[in-house]
Amino acid sequence: MISGQFEPSGQQQYILVPGRSLLLQRHPVLIPVVLIIGSVVLCIASFSADTLFPVLALIGAPGALVCLSVAFVLGVSGVLASIITIIEGIDRHRLRTTTFPQQKGA
């Protein structure tokens, strides 16, 4: 079964796309949520970054600034990933309606 349809009994059909795991196909919002949660956790951790990450203090890097920078990157990546997921969902729905048009009057 090469890139066909996978249909478990009584569940929604999933089109198998090479290179994407089944977990990400079933839960497409998993990556954006994980990125945004990671961003929030790093923002909270930046308040006590000097005690949490003493190695950064030893080399002279400000721990709070590093945490906030990584949190910003994760947050922006999460927002962009969620926008891409929404666009893919709309595109997939539009492709399905153009491929299988519904009959009128039936």
N, C-alpha and C. Protein backbone atom coordinates (compact mmCIF):
# COMPACT_ATOMS: atom_id res chain seq x y z
N MET A 1 0.84 -1.17 0.00
CA MET A 1 0.00 0.00 0.00
C MET A 1 0.89 1.24 0.00
N ILE A 2 1.11 1.82 -1.15
CA ILE A 2 1.99 2.97 -1.30
C ILE A 2 1.13 4.22 -1.44
N SER A 3 1.21 5.08 -0.45
CA SER A 3 0.49 6.36 -0.41
C SER A 3 -0.96 6.22 -0.81
N GLY A 4 -1.62 5.17 -0.36
CA GLY A 4 -3.04 5.00 -0.59
C GLY A 4 -3.83 5.54 0.57
N GLN A 5 -5.03 5.00 0.75
CA GLN A 5 -5.86 5.46 1.84
C GLN A 5 -5.88 4.40 2.92
N PHE A 6 -5.81 4.83 4.14
CA PHE A 6 -5.85 3.96 5.30
C PHE A 6 -7.19 4.18 5.97
N GLU A 7 -8.01 3.14 6.05
CA GLU A 7 -9.35 3.31 6.58
C GLU A 7 -9.61 2.31 7.70
N PRO A 8 -9.42 2.72 8.97
CA PRO A 8 -9.80 1.84 10.06
C PRO A 8 -11.32 1.76 10.14
N SER A 9 -11.81 0.66 10.65
CA SER A 9 -13.25 0.45 10.67
C SER A 9 -13.93 1.48 11.56
N GLY A 10 -14.88 2.22 10.98
CA GLY A 10 -15.66 3.18 11.72
C GLY A 10 -14.97 4.48 12.05
N GLN A 11 -13.82 4.75 11.46
CA GLN A 11 -13.11 5.99 11.74
C GLN A 11 -12.93 6.79 10.46
N GLN A 12 -12.44 8.00 10.62
CA GLN A 12 -12.21 8.89 9.50
C GLN A 12 -11.07 8.37 8.63
N GLN A 13 -11.16 8.65 7.32
CA GLN A 13 -10.11 8.22 6.40
C GLN A 13 -8.92 9.16 6.50
N TYR A 14 -7.72 8.60 6.43
CA TYR A 14 -6.49 9.38 6.43
C TYR A 14 -5.71 9.03 5.18
N ILE A 15 -5.26 10.04 4.48
CA ILE A 15 -4.44 9.81 3.31
C ILE A 15 -3.00 9.74 3.79
N LEU A 16 -2.34 8.62 3.50
CA LEU A 16 -0.97 8.45 3.94
C LEU A 16 -0.04 9.26 3.04
N VAL A 17 0.67 10.17 3.64
CA VAL A 17 1.62 11.01 2.93
C VAL A 17 3.02 10.55 3.31
N PRO A 18 3.86 10.23 2.33
CA PRO A 18 5.21 9.81 2.67
C PRO A 18 5.96 10.93 3.39
N GLY A 19 6.66 10.57 4.46
CA GLY A 19 7.43 11.55 5.19
C GLY A 19 6.71 12.15 6.38
N ARG A 20 5.45 11.87 6.57
CA ARG A 20 4.70 12.36 7.74
C ARG A 20 4.26 11.19 8.58
N SER A 21 4.44 11.30 9.88
CA SER A 21 4.06 10.21 10.75
C SER A 21 2.55 10.17 10.92
N LEU A 22 2.05 9.02 11.29
CA LEU A 22 0.62 8.84 11.47
C LEU A 22 0.11 9.68 12.64
N LEU A 23 0.94 9.87 13.66
CA LEU A 23 0.56 10.69 14.80
C LEU A 23 0.31 12.14 14.38
N LEU A 24 1.17 12.68 13.52
CA LEU A 24 0.99 14.05 13.06
C LEU A 24 -0.17 14.17 12.08
N GLN A 25 -0.51 13.09 11.37
CA GLN A 25 -1.66 13.14 10.49
C GLN A 25 -2.95 13.14 11.28
N ARG A 26 -2.98 12.40 12.38
CA ARG A 26 -4.20 12.35 13.18
C ARG A 26 -4.36 13.58 14.07
N HIS A 27 -3.25 14.17 14.51
CA HIS A 27 -3.28 15.33 15.39
C HIS A 27 -2.42 16.44 14.79
N PRO A 28 -2.94 17.17 13.80
CA PRO A 28 -2.11 18.15 13.10
C PRO A 28 -1.74 19.37 13.95
N VAL A 29 -2.42 19.59 15.06
CA VAL A 29 -2.10 20.75 15.89
C VAL A 29 -1.09 20.43 16.97
N LEU A 30 -0.53 19.23 16.95
CA LEU A 30 0.40 18.81 17.98
C LEU A 30 1.68 19.64 17.98
N ILE A 31 2.28 19.86 16.83
CA ILE A 31 3.54 20.62 16.74
C ILE A 31 3.35 22.08 17.15
N PRO A 32 2.34 22.81 16.64
CA PRO A 32 2.18 24.20 17.08
C PRO A 32 1.91 24.33 18.58
N VAL A 33 1.13 23.42 19.15
CA VAL A 33 0.83 23.49 20.58
C VAL A 33 2.09 23.23 21.40
N VAL A 34 2.90 22.26 21.00
CA VAL A 34 4.14 21.96 21.72
C VAL A 34 5.10 23.15 21.64
N LEU A 35 5.19 23.78 20.48
CA LEU A 35 6.08 24.94 20.33
C LEU A 35 5.62 26.11 21.20
N ILE A 36 4.32 26.38 21.23
CA ILE A 36 3.82 27.50 22.02
C ILE A 36 3.93 27.21 23.51
N ILE A 37 3.67 25.97 23.92
CA ILE A 37 3.83 25.61 25.34
C ILE A 37 5.30 25.72 25.75
N GLY A 38 6.20 25.29 24.89
CA GLY A 38 7.63 25.44 25.17
C GLY A 38 8.03 26.90 25.31
N SER A 39 7.43 27.75 24.52
CA SER A 39 7.70 29.18 24.61
C SER A 39 7.23 29.75 25.95
N VAL A 40 6.05 29.36 26.37
CA VAL A 40 5.52 29.85 27.65
C VAL A 40 6.37 29.34 28.82
N VAL A 41 6.79 28.07 28.75
CA VAL A 41 7.61 27.50 29.83
C VAL A 41 8.96 28.21 29.91
N LEU A 42 9.56 28.51 28.77
CA LEU A 42 10.84 29.23 28.80
C LEU A 42 10.69 30.67 29.27
N CYS A 43 9.55 31.29 28.98
CA CYS A 43 9.31 32.64 29.51
C CYS A 43 9.23 32.60 31.03
N ILE A 44 8.55 31.61 31.56
CA ILE A 44 8.45 31.47 33.01
C ILE A 44 9.82 31.14 33.60
N ALA A 45 10.58 30.29 32.91
CA ALA A 45 11.89 29.91 33.42
C ALA A 45 12.89 31.05 33.36
N SER A 46 12.64 32.05 32.53
CA SER A 46 13.59 33.16 32.43
C SER A 46 13.62 34.02 33.68
N PHE A 47 12.58 33.95 34.51
CA PHE A 47 12.57 34.74 35.74
C PHE A 47 13.63 34.24 36.73
N SER A 48 13.90 32.95 36.70
CA SER A 48 14.93 32.41 37.60
C SER A 48 15.99 31.66 36.80
N ALA A 49 16.40 32.23 35.70
CA ALA A 49 17.32 31.56 34.80
C ALA A 49 18.72 31.40 35.39
N ASP A 50 19.11 32.33 36.24
CA ASP A 50 20.46 32.24 36.81
C ASP A 50 20.60 31.05 37.75
N THR A 51 19.53 30.69 38.45
CA THR A 51 19.60 29.53 39.34
C THR A 51 19.31 28.23 38.60
N LEU A 52 18.51 28.30 37.54
CA LEU A 52 18.19 27.09 36.77
C LEU A 52 19.33 26.68 35.85
N PHE A 53 20.01 27.65 35.26
CA PHE A 53 21.06 27.37 34.30
C PHE A 53 22.37 28.03 34.77
N PRO A 54 23.06 27.45 35.76
CA PRO A 54 24.27 28.10 36.27
C PRO A 54 25.44 28.06 35.28
N VAL A 55 25.40 27.17 34.31
CA VAL A 55 26.48 27.10 33.32
C VAL A 55 26.51 28.39 32.49
N LEU A 56 25.32 28.93 32.19
CA LEU A 56 25.29 30.19 31.44
C LEU A 56 25.90 31.32 32.25
N ALA A 57 25.69 31.31 33.56
CA ALA A 57 26.26 32.34 34.41
C ALA A 57 27.78 32.19 34.50
N LEU A 58 28.28 30.97 34.44
CA LEU A 58 29.73 30.75 34.52
C LEU A 58 30.46 31.30 33.29
N ILE A 59 29.82 31.17 32.12
CA ILE A 59 30.49 31.66 30.91
C ILE A 59 30.19 33.14 30.65
N GLY A 60 29.34 33.74 31.48
CA GLY A 60 29.09 35.17 31.37
C GLY A 60 27.91 35.54 30.49
N ALA A 61 27.15 34.59 30.05
CA ALA A 61 25.98 34.89 29.23
C ALA A 61 24.79 35.18 30.14
N PRO A 62 24.01 36.20 29.83
CA PRO A 62 22.83 36.46 30.66
C PRO A 62 21.76 35.39 30.40
N GLY A 63 21.46 34.62 31.43
CA GLY A 63 20.54 33.49 31.27
C GLY A 63 19.14 33.90 30.90
N ALA A 64 18.67 35.02 31.46
CA ALA A 64 17.31 35.47 31.17
C ALA A 64 17.18 35.87 29.70
N LEU A 65 18.19 36.52 29.18
CA LEU A 65 18.15 36.95 27.78
C LEU A 65 18.16 35.75 26.83
N VAL A 66 18.95 34.74 27.15
CA VAL A 66 18.99 33.53 26.32
C VAL A 66 17.62 32.83 26.35
N CYS A 67 17.04 32.70 27.54
CA CYS A 67 15.72 32.05 27.66
C CYS A 67 14.65 32.82 26.90
N LEU A 68 14.66 34.14 27.04
CA LEU A 68 13.66 34.95 26.34
C LEU A 68 13.85 34.90 24.83
N SER A 69 15.09 34.85 24.37
CA SER A 69 15.34 34.76 22.93
C SER A 69 14.84 33.43 22.36
N VAL A 70 15.15 32.35 23.05
CA VAL A 70 14.68 31.04 22.58
C VAL A 70 13.15 30.95 22.68
N ALA A 71 12.57 31.54 23.73
CA ALA A 71 11.11 31.54 23.86
C ALA A 71 10.46 32.33 22.73
N PHE A 72 11.07 33.44 22.34
CA PHE A 72 10.53 34.23 21.23
C PHE A 72 10.56 33.43 19.93
N VAL A 73 11.68 32.75 19.68
CA VAL A 73 11.79 31.94 18.46
C VAL A 73 10.77 30.80 18.46
N LEU A 74 10.62 30.13 19.60
CA LEU A 74 9.62 29.05 19.69
C LEU A 74 8.21 29.58 19.50
N GLY A 75 7.90 30.72 20.08
CA GLY A 75 6.56 31.30 19.94
C GLY A 75 6.24 31.67 18.50
N VAL A 76 7.18 32.33 17.85
CA VAL A 76 6.96 32.71 16.44
C VAL A 76 6.84 31.46 15.57
N SER A 77 7.66 30.45 15.83
CA SER A 77 7.58 29.20 15.07
C SER A 77 6.24 28.51 15.29
N GLY A 78 5.75 28.54 16.53
CA GLY A 78 4.45 27.93 16.82
C GLY A 78 3.31 28.64 16.11
N VAL A 79 3.35 29.97 16.09
CA VAL A 79 2.31 30.73 15.39
C VAL A 79 2.36 30.46 13.90
N LEU A 80 3.56 30.46 13.32
CA LEU A 80 3.67 30.18 11.88
C LEU A 80 3.24 28.75 11.54
N ALA A 81 3.59 27.80 12.40
CA ALA A 81 3.17 26.41 12.17
C ALA A 81 1.66 26.27 12.26
N SER A 82 1.02 27.01 13.16
CA SER A 82 -0.44 26.92 13.25
C SER A 82 -1.10 27.56 12.04
N ILE A 83 -0.54 28.66 11.54
CA ILE A 83 -1.09 29.28 10.32
C ILE A 83 -0.96 28.33 9.14
N ILE A 84 0.19 27.67 9.02
CA ILE A 84 0.39 26.71 7.93
C ILE A 84 -0.57 25.53 8.06
N THR A 85 -0.81 25.06 9.28
CA THR A 85 -1.75 23.96 9.51
C THR A 85 -3.16 24.35 9.10
N ILE A 86 -3.56 25.58 9.42
CA ILE A 86 -4.89 26.06 9.02
C ILE A 86 -5.01 26.13 7.51
N ILE A 87 -3.97 26.66 6.85
CA ILE A 87 -4.00 26.77 5.39
C ILE A 87 -4.03 25.38 4.74
N GLU A 88 -3.27 24.42 5.28
CA GLU A 88 -3.30 23.06 4.74
C GLU A 88 -4.66 22.43 4.92
N GLY A 89 -5.32 22.67 6.06
CA GLY A 89 -6.66 22.13 6.28
C GLY A 89 -7.67 22.69 5.31
N ILE A 90 -7.60 23.99 5.05
CA ILE A 90 -8.50 24.62 4.08
C ILE A 90 -8.22 24.08 2.68
N ASP A 91 -6.95 23.96 2.33
CA ASP A 91 -6.58 23.45 1.01
C ASP A 91 -7.01 22.00 0.84
N ARG A 92 -6.83 21.19 1.87
CA ARG A 92 -7.24 19.78 1.80
C ARG A 92 -8.75 19.66 1.65
N HIS A 93 -9.50 20.52 2.37
CA HIS A 93 -10.96 20.50 2.25
C HIS A 93 -11.40 20.94 0.86
N ARG A 94 -10.75 21.96 0.32
CA ARG A 94 -11.09 22.45 -1.02
C ARG A 94 -10.76 21.40 -2.08
N LEU A 95 -9.63 20.68 -1.91
CA LEU A 95 -9.25 19.64 -2.85
C LEU A 95 -10.26 18.50 -2.82
N ARG A 96 -10.72 18.14 -1.61
CA ARG A 96 -11.69 17.06 -1.49
C ARG A 96 -13.02 17.43 -2.13
N THR A 97 -13.46 18.69 -2.01
CA THR A 97 -14.74 19.09 -2.60
C THR A 97 -14.65 19.20 -4.11
N THR A 98 -13.48 19.56 -4.65
CA THR A 98 -13.36 19.63 -6.10
C THR A 98 -13.17 18.24 -6.70
N THR A 99 -12.57 17.32 -5.94
CA THR A 99 -12.37 15.97 -6.46
C THR A 99 -13.66 15.17 -6.42
N PHE A 100 -14.40 15.29 -5.35
CA PHE A 100 -15.65 14.55 -5.19
C PHE A 100 -16.81 15.53 -5.02
N PRO A 101 -17.32 16.10 -6.12
CA PRO A 101 -18.43 17.05 -5.98
C PRO A 101 -19.70 16.32 -5.54
N GLN A 102 -20.48 17.01 -4.73
CA GLN A 102 -21.74 16.43 -4.25
C GLN A 102 -22.80 16.60 -5.32
N GLN A 103 -23.68 15.59 -5.42
CA GLN A 103 -24.73 15.64 -6.41
C GLN A 103 -25.86 16.51 -5.91
N LYS A 104 -26.40 17.33 -6.81
CA LYS A 104 -27.51 18.20 -6.45
C LYS A 104 -28.83 17.50 -6.76
N GLY A 105 -29.75 17.64 -5.86
CA GLY A 105 -31.09 17.11 -6.08
C GLY A 105 -31.22 15.62 -5.77
N ALA A 106 -30.23 15.00 -5.22
CA ALA A 106 -30.33 13.57 -4.95
C ALA A 106 -30.70 13.29 -3.53
